[in-house]
């Protein structure tokens, strides 16, 4: 839910369109210019002391054919944060904030560039 909520928030802010240029948890291999929001590989942590409230992180990945295009798109996304009190579909984000500067990954097998941004969130499902 949090991944989808953040993907919808990015679409609302004009970053792209969910399902064609913004994806949740899986980006098609043939996507040359796209954004993906993905869950941590260990899952989203559950705190039994704060039932229903979650604080963890997700990763936003930008892919493009050129490094400069990927960097421009990531800058647009990075400029959206930090932000507080965002409702997106069935999720309320108390806060969303970058944990690091964007991370440039080595060029992938398809000769595309990818840049990641780990984003910390706190919130709950509505």
PDB file of N, CA and C in Angstrom:
ATOM      1  N   UNK A   1       0.800  -1.200   0.000  1.00  0.00           N
ATOM      2  CA  UNK A   1       0.000   0.000   0.000  1.00  0.00           C
ATOM      3  C   UNK A   1       0.847   1.270   0.000  1.00  0.00           C
ATOM      4  N   UNK A   2       1.938   1.281   0.771  1.00  0.00           N
ATOM      5  CA  UNK A   2       2.768   2.481   0.838  1.00  0.00           C
ATOM      6  C   UNK A   2       3.463   2.741  -0.490  1.00  0.00           C
ATOM      7  N   UNK A   3       3.917   1.681  -1.141  1.00  0.00           N
ATOM      8  CA  UNK A   3       4.586   1.822  -2.436  1.00  0.00           C
ATOM      9  C   UNK A   3       3.615   2.409  -3.459  1.00  0.00           C
ATOM     10  N   UNK A   4       2.418   1.852  -3.525  1.00  0.00           N
ATOM     11  CA  UNK A   4       1.419   2.348  -4.459  1.00  0.00           C
ATOM     12  C   UNK A   4       1.026   3.783  -4.126  1.00  0.00           C
ATOM     13  N   UNK A   5       0.897   4.079  -2.836  1.00  0.00           N
ATOM     14  CA  UNK A   5       0.561   5.440  -2.414  1.00  0.00           C
ATOM     15  C   UNK A   5       1.605   6.449  -2.848  1.00  0.00           C
ATOM     16  N   UNK A   6       2.878   6.097  -2.708  1.00  0.00           N
ATOM     17  CA  UNK A   6       3.941   7.010  -3.123  1.00  0.00           C
ATOM     18  C   UNK A   6       3.976   7.135  -4.647  1.00  0.00           C
ATOM     19  N   UNK A   7       3.757   6.043  -5.363  1.00  0.00           N
ATOM     20  CA  UNK A   7       3.710   6.105  -6.832  1.00  0.00           C
ATOM     21  C   UNK A   7       2.594   7.043  -7.288  1.00  0.00           C
ATOM     22  N   UNK A   8       1.435   6.949  -6.661  1.00  0.00           N
ATOM     23  CA  UNK A   8       0.321   7.835  -7.009  1.00  0.00           C
ATOM     24  C   UNK A   8       0.626   9.285  -6.649  1.00  0.00           C
ATOM     25  N   UNK A   9       1.317   9.507  -5.541  1.00  0.00           N
ATOM     26  CA  UNK A   9       1.715  10.866  -5.161  1.00  0.00           C
ATOM     27  C   UNK A   9       2.657  11.458  -6.214  1.00  0.00           C
ATOM     28  N   UNK A  10       3.632  10.669  -6.674  1.00  0.00           N
ATOM     29  CA  UNK A  10       4.553  11.149  -7.708  1.00  0.00           C
ATOM     30  C   UNK A  10       3.786  11.515  -8.982  1.00  0.00           C
ATOM     31  N   UNK A  11       2.801  10.702  -9.343  1.00  0.00           N
ATOM     32  CA  UNK A  11       1.983  11.003 -10.522  1.00  0.00           C
ATOM     33  C   UNK A  11       1.200  12.294 -10.313  1.00  0.00           C
ATOM     34  N   UNK A  12       0.614  12.449  -9.145  1.00  0.00           N
ATOM     35  CA  UNK A  12      -0.152  13.664  -8.831  1.00  0.00           C
ATOM     36  C   UNK A  12       0.725  14.912  -8.927  1.00  0.00           C
ATOM     37  N   UNK A  13       2.003  14.764  -8.588  1.00  0.00           N
ATOM     38  CA  UNK A  13       2.931  15.898  -8.616  1.00  0.00           C
ATOM     39  C   UNK A  13       3.532  16.115 -10.009  1.00  0.00           C
ATOM     40  N   UNK A  14       3.078  15.363 -11.004  1.00  0.00           N
ATOM     41  CA  UNK A  14       3.487  15.595 -12.379  1.00  0.00           C
ATOM     42  C   UNK A  14       4.732  14.864 -12.845  1.00  0.00           C
ATOM     43  N   UNK A  15       5.191  13.881 -12.076  1.00  0.00           N
ATOM     44  CA  UNK A  15       6.409  13.149 -12.441  1.00  0.00           C
ATOM     45  C   UNK A  15       6.170  12.221 -13.631  1.00  0.00           C
ATOM     46  N   UNK A  16       4.973  11.690 -13.748  1.00  0.00           N
ATOM     47  CA  UNK A  16       4.658  10.761 -14.831  1.00  0.00           C
ATOM     48  C   UNK A  16       3.273  10.188 -14.641  1.00  0.00           C
ATOM     49  N   UNK A  17       3.005   9.069 -15.306  1.00  0.00           N
ATOM     50  CA  UNK A  17       1.698   8.420 -15.234  1.00  0.00           C
ATOM     51  C   UNK A  17       1.868   6.991 -14.731  1.00  0.00           C
ATOM     52  N   UNK A  18       1.113   6.643 -13.698  1.00  0.00           N
ATOM     53  CA  UNK A  18       1.185   5.295 -13.136  1.00  0.00           C
ATOM     54  C   UNK A  18       0.788   4.279 -14.205  1.00  0.00           C
ATOM     55  N   UNK A  19       1.621   3.259 -14.358  1.00  0.00           N
ATOM     56  CA  UNK A  19       1.358   2.200 -15.321  1.00  0.00           C
ATOM     57  C   UNK A  19       2.044   2.382 -16.659  1.00  0.00           C
ATOM     58  N   UNK A  20       2.488   3.614 -16.953  1.00  0.00           N
ATOM     59  CA  UNK A  20       3.212   3.812 -18.213  1.00  0.00           C
ATOM     60  C   UNK A  20       4.610   4.380 -17.994  1.00  0.00           C
ATOM     61  N   UNK A  21       4.759   5.311 -17.043  1.00  0.00           N
ATOM     62  CA  UNK A  21       6.100   5.836 -16.731  1.00  0.00           C
ATOM     63  C   UNK A  21       6.427   5.769 -15.245  1.00  0.00           C
ATOM     64  N   UNK A  22       5.442   5.430 -14.425  1.00  0.00           N
ATOM     65  CA  UNK A  22       5.667   5.222 -12.987  1.00  0.00           C
ATOM     66  C   UNK A  22       5.144   3.837 -12.633  1.00  0.00           C
ATOM     67  N   UNK A  23       5.986   3.057 -11.942  1.00  0.00           N
ATOM     68  CA  UNK A  23       5.637   1.679 -11.615  1.00  0.00           C
ATOM     69  C   UNK A  23       5.846   1.411 -10.130  1.00  0.00           C
ATOM     70  N   UNK A  24       5.082   0.448  -9.608  1.00  0.00           N
ATOM     71  CA  UNK A  24       5.189   0.039  -8.209  1.00  0.00           C
ATOM     72  C   UNK A  24       5.762  -1.372  -8.148  1.00  0.00           C
ATOM     73  N   UNK A  25       6.922  -1.503  -7.541  1.00  0.00           N
ATOM     74  CA  UNK A  25       7.592  -2.775  -7.261  1.00  0.00           C
ATOM     75  C   UNK A  25       8.169  -3.529  -8.456  1.00  0.00           C
ATOM     76  N   UNK A  26       7.815  -3.200  -9.674  1.00  0.00           N
ATOM     77  CA  UNK A  26       8.402  -3.871 -10.839  1.00  0.00           C
ATOM     78  C   UNK A  26       8.341  -2.933 -12.038  1.00  0.00           C
ATOM     79  N   UNK A  27       9.488  -2.747 -12.681  1.00  0.00           N
ATOM     80  CA  UNK A  27       9.568  -1.905 -13.872  1.00  0.00           C
ATOM     81  C   UNK A  27       9.805  -2.816 -15.077  1.00  0.00           C
ATOM     82  N   UNK A  28       9.019  -2.674 -16.138  1.00  0.00           N
ATOM     83  CA  UNK A  28       9.231  -3.519 -17.311  1.00  0.00           C
ATOM     84  C   UNK A  28      10.650  -3.362 -17.863  1.00  0.00           C
ATOM     85  N   UNK A  29      11.212  -4.460 -18.349  1.00  0.00           N
ATOM     86  CA  UNK A  29      12.567  -4.414 -18.901  1.00  0.00           C
ATOM     87  C   UNK A  29      12.676  -3.466 -20.078  1.00  0.00           C
ATOM     88  N   UNK A  30      11.606  -3.336 -20.850  1.00  0.00           N
ATOM     89  CA  UNK A  30      11.670  -2.490 -22.039  1.00  0.00           C
ATOM     90  C   UNK A  30      11.392  -1.016 -21.750  1.00  0.00           C
ATOM     91  N   UNK A  31      11.164  -0.657 -20.493  1.00  0.00           N
ATOM     92  CA  UNK A  31      10.944   0.753 -20.135  1.00  0.00           C
ATOM     93  C   UNK A  31      12.271   1.497 -20.213  1.00  0.00           C
ATOM     94  N   UNK A  32      12.360   2.422 -21.145  1.00  0.00           N
ATOM     95  CA  UNK A  32      13.612   3.156 -21.350  1.00  0.00           C
ATOM     96  C   UNK A  32      13.698   4.403 -20.478  1.00  0.00           C
ATOM     97  N   UNK A  33      12.546   4.988 -20.173  1.00  0.00           N
ATOM     98  CA  UNK A  33      12.501   6.187 -19.340  1.00  0.00           C
ATOM     99  C   UNK A  33      11.340   6.015 -18.368  1.00  0.00           C
ATOM    100  N   UNK A  34      11.650   5.722 -17.109  1.00  0.00           N
ATOM    101  CA  UNK A  34      10.594   5.384 -16.160  1.00  0.00           C
ATOM    102  C   UNK A  34      11.059   5.589 -14.726  1.00  0.00           C
ATOM    103  N   UNK A  35      10.085   5.518 -13.815  1.00  0.00           N
ATOM    104  CA  UNK A  35      10.323   5.635 -12.375  1.00  0.00           C
ATOM    105  C   UNK A  35       9.672   4.431 -11.711  1.00  0.00           C
ATOM    106  N   UNK A  36      10.363   3.846 -10.737  1.00  0.00           N
ATOM    107  CA  UNK A  36       9.808   2.733  -9.977  1.00  0.00           C
ATOM    108  C   UNK A  36       9.934   3.040  -8.492  1.00  0.00           C
ATOM    109  N   UNK A  37       8.878   2.748  -7.753  1.00  0.00           N
ATOM    110  CA  UNK A  37       8.913   2.804  -6.289  1.00  0.00           C
ATOM    111  C   UNK A  37       8.865   1.366  -5.815  1.00  0.00           C
ATOM    112  N   UNK A  38       9.797   0.984  -4.955  1.00  0.00           N
ATOM    113  CA  UNK A  38       9.867  -0.412  -4.525  1.00  0.00           C
ATOM    114  C   UNK A  38      10.017  -0.530  -3.011  1.00  0.00           C
ATOM    115  N   UNK A  39       9.485  -1.605  -2.479  1.00  0.00           N
ATOM    116  CA  UNK A  39       9.554  -1.893  -1.042  1.00  0.00           C
ATOM    117  C   UNK A  39      10.954  -2.338  -0.657  1.00  0.00           C
ATOM    118  N   UNK A  40      11.294  -2.220   0.620  1.00  0.00           N
ATOM    119  CA  UNK A  40      12.568  -2.792   1.062  1.00  0.00           C
ATOM    120  C   UNK A  40      12.527  -4.310   0.903  1.00  0.00           C
ATOM    121  N   UNK A  41      13.661  -4.915   0.579  1.00  0.00           N
ATOM    122  CA  UNK A  41      13.695  -6.362   0.365  1.00  0.00           C
ATOM    123  C   UNK A  41      13.357  -7.143   1.628  1.00  0.00           C
ATOM    124  N   UNK A  42      13.523  -6.524   2.778  1.00  0.00           N
ATOM    125  CA  UNK A  42      13.203  -7.193   4.040  1.00  0.00           C
ATOM    126  C   UNK A  42      11.751  -6.985   4.448  1.00  0.00           C
ATOM    127  N   UNK A  43      10.983  -6.252   3.652  1.00  0.00           N
ATOM    128  CA  UNK A  43       9.601  -5.951   3.998  1.00  0.00           C
ATOM    129  C   UNK A  43       9.510  -4.714   4.869  1.00  0.00           C
ATOM    130  N   UNK A  44       8.307  -4.217   5.050  1.00  0.00           N
ATOM    131  CA  UNK A  44       8.091  -3.033   5.879  1.00  0.00           C
ATOM    132  C   UNK A  44       7.935  -3.477   7.325  1.00  0.00           C
ATOM    133  N   UNK A  45       8.725  -2.864   8.175  1.00  0.00           N
ATOM    134  CA  UNK A  45       8.785  -3.256   9.584  1.00  0.00           C
ATOM    135  C   UNK A  45       7.462  -2.995  10.305  1.00  0.00           C
ATOM    136  N   UNK A  46       7.094  -3.920  11.182  1.00  0.00           N
ATOM    137  CA  UNK A  46       5.898  -3.803  12.004  1.00  0.00           C
ATOM    138  C   UNK A  46       6.325  -3.527  13.435  1.00  0.00           C
ATOM    139  N   UNK A  47       5.759  -2.482  14.029  1.00  0.00           N
ATOM    140  CA  UNK A  47       6.018  -2.148  15.431  1.00  0.00           C
ATOM    141  C   UNK A  47       4.750  -2.475  16.213  1.00  0.00           C
ATOM    142  N   UNK A  48       4.803  -3.518  17.017  1.00  0.00           N
ATOM    143  CA  UNK A  48       3.611  -3.958  17.745  1.00  0.00           C
ATOM    144  C   UNK A  48       3.208  -2.986  18.848  1.00  0.00           C
ATOM    145  N   UNK A  49       4.086  -2.086  19.206  1.00  0.00           N
ATOM    146  CA  UNK A  49       3.760  -1.058  20.200  1.00  0.00           C
ATOM    147  C   UNK A  49       2.938   0.067  19.582  1.00  0.00           C
ATOM    148  N   UNK A  50       3.038   0.227  18.264  1.00  0.00           N
ATOM    149  CA  UNK A  50       2.296   1.267  17.545  1.00  0.00           C
ATOM    150  C   UNK A  50       1.472   0.606  16.443  1.00  0.00           C
ATOM    151  N   UNK A  51       0.501  -0.162  16.840  1.00  0.00           N
ATOM    152  CA  UNK A  51      -0.303  -0.930  15.888  1.00  0.00           C
ATOM    153  C   UNK A  51      -0.903  -0.022  14.815  1.00  0.00           C
ATOM    154  N   UNK A  52      -0.686  -0.400  13.555  1.00  0.00           N
ATOM    155  CA  UNK A  52      -1.247   0.339  12.435  1.00  0.00           C
ATOM    156  C   UNK A  52      -0.403   1.502  11.952  1.00  0.00           C
ATOM    157  N   UNK A  53       0.645   1.858  12.687  1.00  0.00           N
ATOM    158  CA  UNK A  53       1.535   2.955  12.293  1.00  0.00           C
ATOM    159  C   UNK A  53       2.849   2.347  11.832  1.00  0.00           C
ATOM    160  N   UNK A  54       3.353   2.825  10.723  1.00  0.00           N
ATOM    161  CA  UNK A  54       4.558   2.252  10.135  1.00  0.00           C
ATOM    162  C   UNK A  54       5.597   3.339   9.890  1.00  0.00           C
ATOM    163  N   UNK A  55       6.849   2.990  10.132  1.00  0.00           N
ATOM    164  CA  UNK A  55       7.967   3.885   9.840  1.00  0.00           C
ATOM    165  C   UNK A  55       9.072   3.028   9.251  1.00  0.00           C
ATOM    166  N   UNK A  56       9.373   3.264   7.979  1.00  0.00           N
ATOM    167  CA  UNK A  56      10.376   2.461   7.280  1.00  0.00           C
ATOM    168  C   UNK A  56      10.863   3.255   6.083  1.00  0.00           C
ATOM    169  N   UNK A  57      11.306   2.563   5.050  1.00  0.00           N
ATOM    170  CA  UNK A  57      11.791   3.258   3.863  1.00  0.00           C
ATOM    171  C   UNK A  57      11.391   2.509   2.604  1.00  0.00           C
ATOM    172  N   UNK A  58      11.352   3.237   1.511  1.00  0.00           N
ATOM    173  CA  UNK A  58      11.154   2.672   0.184  1.00  0.00           C
ATOM    174  C   UNK A  58      12.255   3.243  -0.704  1.00  0.00           C
ATOM    175  N   UNK A  59      12.406   2.677  -1.877  1.00  0.00           N
ATOM    176  CA  UNK A  59      13.417   3.151  -2.812  1.00  0.00           C
ATOM    177  C   UNK A  59      12.731   3.631  -4.084  1.00  0.00           C
ATOM    178  N   UNK A  60      13.067   4.838  -4.502  1.00  0.00           N
ATOM    179  CA  UNK A  60      12.601   5.363  -5.784  1.00  0.00           C
ATOM    180  C   UNK A  60      13.755   5.208  -6.767  1.00  0.00           C
ATOM    181  N   UNK A  61      13.491   4.563  -7.897  1.00  0.00           N
ATOM    182  CA  UNK A  61      14.521   4.352  -8.921  1.00  0.00           C
ATOM    183  C   UNK A  61      14.081   5.041 -10.207  1.00  0.00           C
ATOM    184  N   UNK A  62      14.978   5.850 -10.760  1.00  0.00           N
ATOM    185  CA  UNK A  62      14.754   6.505 -12.045  1.00  0.00           C
ATOM    186  C   UNK A  62      15.627   5.814 -13.079  1.00  0.00           C
ATOM    187  N   UNK A  63      15.059   5.516 -14.232  1.00  0.00           N
ATOM    188  CA  UNK A  63      15.820   4.903 -15.336  1.00  0.00           C
ATOM    189  C   UNK A  63      15.669   5.785 -16.572  1.00  0.00           C
ATOM    190  N   UNK A  64      16.785   5.968 -17.285  1.00  0.00           N
ATOM    191  CA  UNK A  64      16.719   6.724 -18.540  1.00  0.00           C
ATOM    192  C   UNK A  64      17.869   6.326 -19.450  1.00  0.00           C
ATOM    193  N   UNK A  65      17.780   6.758 -20.707  1.00  0.00           N
ATOM    194  CA  UNK A  65      18.805   6.386 -21.687  1.00  0.00           C
ATOM    195  C   UNK A  65      20.092   7.178 -21.522  1.00  0.00           C
ATOM    196  N   UNK A  66      20.002   8.353 -20.907  1.00  0.00           N
ATOM    197  CA  UNK A  66      21.221   9.131 -20.662  1.00  0.00           C
ATOM    198  C   UNK A  66      21.319   9.469 -19.183  1.00  0.00           C
ATOM    199  N   UNK A  67      22.530   9.586 -18.712  1.00  0.00           N
ATOM    200  CA  UNK A  67      22.745   9.921 -17.308  1.00  0.00           C
ATOM    201  C   UNK A  67      22.175  11.293 -16.991  1.00  0.00           C
ATOM    202  N   UNK A  68      22.356  12.251 -17.877  1.00  0.00           N
ATOM    203  CA  UNK A  68      21.859  13.604 -17.606  1.00  0.00           C
ATOM    204  C   UNK A  68      20.334  13.637 -17.537  1.00  0.00           C
ATOM    205  N   UNK A  69      19.653  12.870 -18.386  1.00  0.00           N
ATOM    206  CA  UNK A  69      18.186  12.808 -18.331  1.00  0.00           C
ATOM    207  C   UNK A  69      17.727  12.163 -17.028  1.00  0.00           C
ATOM    208  N   UNK A  70      18.402  11.103 -16.613  1.00  0.00           N
ATOM    209  CA  UNK A  70      18.065  10.448 -15.341  1.00  0.00           C
ATOM    210  C   UNK A  70      18.305  11.399 -14.172  1.00  0.00           C
ATOM    211  N   UNK A  71      19.394  12.146 -14.209  1.00  0.00           N
ATOM    212  CA  UNK A  71      19.694  13.095 -13.133  1.00  0.00           C
ATOM    213  C   UNK A  71      18.654  14.209 -13.074  1.00  0.00           C
ATOM    214  N   UNK A  72      18.217  14.701 -14.226  1.00  0.00           N
ATOM    215  CA  UNK A  72      17.181  15.751 -14.240  1.00  0.00           C
ATOM    216  C   UNK A  72      15.881  15.236 -13.632  1.00  0.00           C
ATOM    217  N   UNK A  73      15.479  14.030 -14.027  1.00  0.00           N
ATOM    218  CA  UNK A  73      14.236  13.449 -13.493  1.00  0.00           C
ATOM    219  C   UNK A  73      14.356  13.225 -11.987  1.00  0.00           C
ATOM    220  N   UNK A  74      15.509  12.735 -11.540  1.00  0.00           N
ATOM    221  CA  UNK A  74      15.701  12.513 -10.111  1.00  0.00           C
ATOM    222  C   UNK A  74      15.692  13.831  -9.350  1.00  0.00           C
ATOM    223  N   UNK A  75      16.218  14.889  -9.935  1.00  0.00           N
ATOM    224  CA  UNK A  75      16.203  16.191  -9.265  1.00  0.00           C
ATOM    225  C   UNK A  75      14.772  16.683  -9.067  1.00  0.00           C
ATOM    226  N   UNK A  76      13.930  16.476 -10.075  1.00  0.00           N
ATOM    227  CA  UNK A  76      12.515  16.836  -9.956  1.00  0.00           C
ATOM    228  C   UNK A  76      11.886  16.085  -8.783  1.00  0.00           C
ATOM    229  N   UNK A  77      12.166  14.794  -8.687  1.00  0.00           N
ATOM    230  CA  UNK A  77      11.616  13.974  -7.600  1.00  0.00           C
ATOM    231  C   UNK A  77      12.196  14.398  -6.259  1.00  0.00           C
ATOM    232  N   UNK A  78      13.501  14.566  -6.198  1.00  0.00           N
ATOM    233  CA  UNK A  78      14.159  14.941  -4.942  1.00  0.00           C
ATOM    234  C   UNK A  78      13.625  16.272  -4.414  1.00  0.00           C
ATOM    235  N   UNK A  79      13.290  17.192  -5.320  1.00  0.00           N
ATOM    236  CA  UNK A  79      12.776  18.502  -4.915  1.00  0.00           C
ATOM    237  C   UNK A  79      11.387  18.425  -4.280  1.00  0.00           C
ATOM    238  N   UNK A  80      10.700  17.299  -4.417  1.00  0.00           N
ATOM    239  CA  UNK A  80       9.378  17.127  -3.799  1.00  0.00           C
ATOM    240  C   UNK A  80       9.468  16.852  -2.298  1.00  0.00           C
ATOM    241  N   UNK A  81      10.647  16.514  -1.829  1.00  0.00           N
ATOM    242  CA  UNK A  81      10.855  16.104  -0.443  1.00  0.00           C
ATOM    243  C   UNK A  81      11.749  17.084   0.286  1.00  0.00           C
ATOM    244  N   UNK A  82      11.689  17.161   1.603  1.00  0.00           N
ATOM    245  CA  UNK A  82      10.765  16.460   2.499  1.00  0.00           C
ATOM    246  C   UNK A  82       9.361  17.060   2.418  1.00  0.00           C
ATOM    247  N   UNK A  83       8.385  16.241   2.779  1.00  0.00           N
ATOM    248  CA  UNK A  83       6.997  16.677   2.789  1.00  0.00           C
ATOM    249  C   UNK A  83       6.287  15.989   3.959  1.00  0.00           C
ATOM    250  N   UNK A  84       5.318  16.675   4.523  1.00  0.00           N
ATOM    251  CA  UNK A  84       4.547  16.151   5.657  1.00  0.00           C
ATOM    252  C   UNK A  84       3.061  16.127   5.317  1.00  0.00           C
ATOM    253  N   UNK A  85       2.346  15.209   5.959  1.00  0.00           N
ATOM    254  CA  UNK A  85       0.885  15.154   5.913  1.00  0.00           C
ATOM    255  C   UNK A  85       0.321  15.050   4.497  1.00  0.00           C
ATOM    256  N   UNK A  86       0.627  13.945   3.844  1.00  0.00           N
ATOM    257  CA  UNK A  86       0.173  13.683   2.480  1.00  0.00           C
ATOM    258  C   UNK A  86      -0.780  12.495   2.501  1.00  0.00           C
ATOM    259  N   UNK A  87      -1.963  12.682   1.934  1.00  0.00           N
ATOM    260  CA  UNK A  87      -2.891  11.575   1.746  1.00  0.00           C
ATOM    261  C   UNK A  87      -2.852  11.187   0.279  1.00  0.00           C
ATOM    262  N   UNK A  88      -2.637   9.908   0.015  1.00  0.00           N
ATOM    263  CA  UNK A  88      -2.568   9.411  -1.353  1.00  0.00           C
ATOM    264  C   UNK A  88      -3.282   8.071  -1.416  1.00  0.00           C
ATOM    265  N   UNK A  89      -4.426   8.067  -2.079  1.00  0.00           N
ATOM    266  CA  UNK A  89      -5.287   6.899  -2.176  1.00  0.00           C
ATOM    267  C   UNK A  89      -5.655   6.418  -0.777  1.00  0.00           C
ATOM    268  N   UNK A  90      -5.199   5.243  -0.373  1.00  0.00           N
ATOM    269  CA  UNK A  90      -5.598   4.694   0.926  1.00  0.00           C
ATOM    270  C   UNK A  90      -4.472   4.757   1.950  1.00  0.00           C
ATOM    271  N   UNK A  91      -3.552   5.719   1.769  1.00  0.00           N
ATOM    272  CA  UNK A  91      -2.401   5.850   2.665  1.00  0.00           C
ATOM    273  C   UNK A  91      -2.262   7.294   3.132  1.00  0.00           C
ATOM    274  N   UNK A  92      -1.949   7.461   4.406  1.00  0.00           N
ATOM    275  CA  UNK A  92      -1.596   8.778   4.934  1.00  0.00           C
ATOM    276  C   UNK A  92      -0.122   8.741   5.308  1.00  0.00           C
ATOM    277  N   UNK A  93       0.656   9.615   4.680  1.00  0.00           N
ATOM    278  CA  UNK A  93       2.069   9.753   5.016  1.00  0.00           C
ATOM    279  C   UNK A  93       2.218  10.917   5.978  1.00  0.00           C
ATOM    280  N   UNK A  94       2.622  10.627   7.196  1.00  0.00           N
ATOM    281  CA  UNK A  94       2.915  11.703   8.151  1.00  0.00           C
ATOM    282  C   UNK A  94       4.139  12.463   7.686  1.00  0.00           C
ATOM    283  N   UNK A  95       5.105  11.724   7.143  1.00  0.00           N
ATOM    284  CA  UNK A  95       6.282  12.373   6.562  1.00  0.00           C
ATOM    285  C   UNK A  95       6.904  11.484   5.500  1.00  0.00           C
ATOM    286  N   UNK A  96       7.536  12.150   4.536  1.00  0.00           N
ATOM    287  CA  UNK A  96       8.346  11.509   3.499  1.00  0.00           C
ATOM    288  C   UNK A  96       9.610  12.345   3.385  1.00  0.00           C
ATOM    289  N   UNK A  97      10.768  11.712   3.519  1.00  0.00           N
ATOM    290  CA  UNK A  97      12.009  12.486   3.405  1.00  0.00           C
ATOM    291  C   UNK A  97      13.144  11.605   2.901  1.00  0.00           C
ATOM    292  N   UNK A  98      14.007  12.200   2.051  1.00  0.00           N
ATOM    293  CA  UNK A  98      15.139  11.437   1.536  1.00  0.00           C
ATOM    294  C   UNK A  98      16.095  11.062   2.655  1.00  0.00           C
ATOM    295  N   UNK A  99      16.683   9.880   2.539  1.00  0.00           N
ATOM    296  CA  UNK A  99      17.639   9.415   3.546  1.00  0.00           C
ATOM    297  C   UNK A  99      19.074   9.698   3.129  1.00  0.00           C
ATOM    298  N   UNK A 100      19.321   9.789   1.834  1.00  0.00           N
ATOM    299  CA  UNK A 100      20.655  10.069   1.299  1.00  0.00           C
ATOM    300  C   UNK A 100      20.490  10.939   0.059  1.00  0.00           C
ATOM    301  N   UNK A 101      21.605  11.374  -0.476  1.00  0.00           N
ATOM    302  CA  UNK A 101      21.581  11.975  -1.806  1.00  0.00           C
ATOM    303  C   UNK A 101      21.319  10.858  -2.811  1.00  0.00           C
ATOM    304  N   UNK A 102      20.859  11.188  -4.020  1.00  0.00           N
ATOM    305  CA  UNK A 102      20.623  10.146  -5.023  1.00  0.00           C
ATOM    306  C   UNK A 102      21.883   9.316  -5.298  1.00  0.00           C
ATOM    307  N   UNK A 103      21.667   8.021  -5.550  1.00  0.00           N
ATOM    308  CA  UNK A 103      22.745   7.056  -5.773  1.00  0.00           C
ATOM    309  C   UNK A 103      22.747   6.671  -7.253  1.00  0.00           C
ATOM    310  N   UNK A 104      23.846   6.926  -7.945  1.00  0.00           N
ATOM    311  CA  UNK A 104      23.962   6.546  -9.358  1.00  0.00           C
ATOM    312  C   UNK A 104      24.515   5.127  -9.423  1.00  0.00           C
ATOM    313  N   UNK A 105      23.762   4.237 -10.077  1.00  0.00           N
ATOM    314  CA  UNK A 105      24.179   2.847 -10.220  1.00  0.00           C
ATOM    315  C   UNK A 105      24.932   2.668 -11.542  1.00  0.00           C
ATOM    316  N   UNK A 106      25.756   1.620 -11.652  1.00  0.00           N
ATOM    317  CA  UNK A 106      26.424   1.343 -12.929  1.00  0.00           C
ATOM    318  C   UNK A 106      25.386   1.114 -14.032  1.00  0.00           C
ATOM    319  N   UNK A 107      25.752   1.435 -15.238  1.00  0.00           N
ATOM    320  CA  UNK A 107      24.863   1.241 -16.383  1.00  0.00           C
ATOM    321  C   UNK A 107      24.396  -0.217 -16.420  1.00  0.00           C
ATOM    322  N   UNK A 108      23.108  -0.439 -16.672  1.00  0.00           N
ATOM    323  CA  UNK A 108      22.584  -1.809 -16.647  1.00  0.00           C
ATOM    324  C   UNK A 108      22.865  -2.545 -17.959  1.00  0.00           C
ATOM    325  N   UNK A 109      22.443  -3.800 -18.036  1.00  0.00           N
ATOM    326  CA  UNK A 109      22.719  -4.633 -19.216  1.00  0.00           C
ATOM    327  C   UNK A 109      22.114  -4.067 -20.496  1.00  0.00           C
ATOM    328  N   UNK A 110      21.063  -3.288 -20.363  1.00  0.00           N
ATOM    329  CA  UNK A 110      20.444  -2.667 -21.528  1.00  0.00           C
ATOM    330  C   UNK A 110      21.055  -1.321 -21.864  1.00  0.00           C
ATOM    331  N   UNK A 111      22.189  -0.988 -21.238  1.00  0.00           N
ATOM    332  CA  UNK A 111      22.907   0.281 -21.446  1.00  0.00           C
ATOM    333  C   UNK A 111      22.100   1.483 -20.973  1.00  0.00           C
ATOM    334  N   UNK A 112      21.216   1.264 -19.998  1.00  0.00           N
ATOM    335  CA  UNK A 112      20.424   2.352 -19.432  1.00  0.00           C
ATOM    336  C   UNK A 112      21.010   2.760 -18.086  1.00  0.00           C
ATOM    337  N   UNK A 113      20.762   3.996 -17.713  1.00  0.00           N
ATOM    338  CA  UNK A 113      21.241   4.515 -16.435  1.00  0.00           C
ATOM    339  C   UNK A 113      20.122   4.466 -15.408  1.00  0.00           C
ATOM    340  N   UNK A 114      20.478   4.134 -14.168  1.00  0.00           N
ATOM    341  CA  UNK A 114      19.508   4.118 -13.072  1.00  0.00           C
ATOM    342  C   UNK A 114      20.082   4.861 -11.876  1.00  0.00           C
ATOM    343  N   UNK A 115      19.203   5.614 -11.224  1.00  0.00           N
ATOM    344  CA  UNK A 115      19.566   6.384 -10.038  1.00  0.00           C
ATOM    345  C   UNK A 115      18.532   6.069  -8.961  1.00  0.00           C
ATOM    346  N   UNK A 116      18.988   5.781  -7.746  1.00  0.00           N
ATOM    347  CA  UNK A 116      18.090   5.444  -6.652  1.00  0.00           C
ATOM    348  C   UNK A 116      18.058   6.520  -5.583  1.00  0.00           C
ATOM    349  N   UNK A 117      16.903   6.652  -4.951  1.00  0.00           N
ATOM    350  CA  UNK A 117      16.740   7.577  -3.832  1.00  0.00           C
ATOM    351  C   UNK A 117      15.991   6.857  -2.716  1.00  0.00           C
ATOM    352  N   UNK A 118      16.688   6.504  -1.616  1.00  0.00           N
ATOM    353  CA  UNK A 118      15.985   5.909  -0.483  1.00  0.00           C
ATOM    354  C   UNK A 118      15.188   6.988   0.246  1.00  0.00           C
ATOM    355  N   UNK A 119      13.918   6.703   0.473  1.00  0.00           N
ATOM    356  CA  UNK A 119      13.017   7.670   1.100  1.00  0.00           C
ATOM    357  C   UNK A 119      12.421   7.051   2.359  1.00  0.00           C
ATOM    358  N   UNK A 120      12.600   7.738   3.464  1.00  0.00           N
ATOM    359  CA  UNK A 120      12.022   7.312   4.739  1.00  0.00           C
ATOM    360  C   UNK A 120      10.585   7.817   4.804  1.00  0.00           C
ATOM    361  N   UNK A 121       9.703   6.992   5.366  1.00  0.00           N
ATOM    362  CA  UNK A 121       8.319   7.423   5.531  1.00  0.00           C
ATOM    363  C   UNK A 121       7.802   7.021   6.901  1.00  0.00           C
ATOM    364  N   UNK A 122       6.791   7.722   7.327  1.00  0.00           N
ATOM    365  CA  UNK A 122       6.024   7.348   8.513  1.00  0.00           C
ATOM    366  C   UNK A 122       4.566   7.562   8.143  1.00  0.00           C
ATOM    367  N   UNK A 123       3.715   6.611   8.505  1.00  0.00           N
ATOM    368  CA  UNK A 123       2.318   6.786   8.163  1.00  0.00           C
ATOM    369  C   UNK A 123       1.482   5.575   8.479  1.00  0.00           C
ATOM    370  N   UNK A 124       0.259   5.617   7.984  1.00  0.00           N
ATOM    371  CA  UNK A 124      -0.672   4.519   8.222  1.00  0.00           C
ATOM    372  C   UNK A 124      -1.629   4.385   7.049  1.00  0.00           C
ATOM    373  N   UNK A 125      -2.262   3.211   6.979  1.00  0.00           N
ATOM    374  CA  UNK A 125      -3.240   2.946   5.931  1.00  0.00           C
ATOM    375  C   UNK A 125      -4.602   3.431   6.392  1.00  0.00           C
ATOM    376  N   UNK A 126      -5.327   4.041   5.482  1.00  0.00           N
ATOM    377  CA  UNK A 126      -6.657   4.583   5.806  1.00  0.00           C
ATOM    378  C   UNK A 126      -7.734   3.519   5.655  1.00  0.00           C
TER     379      UNK A 126
END
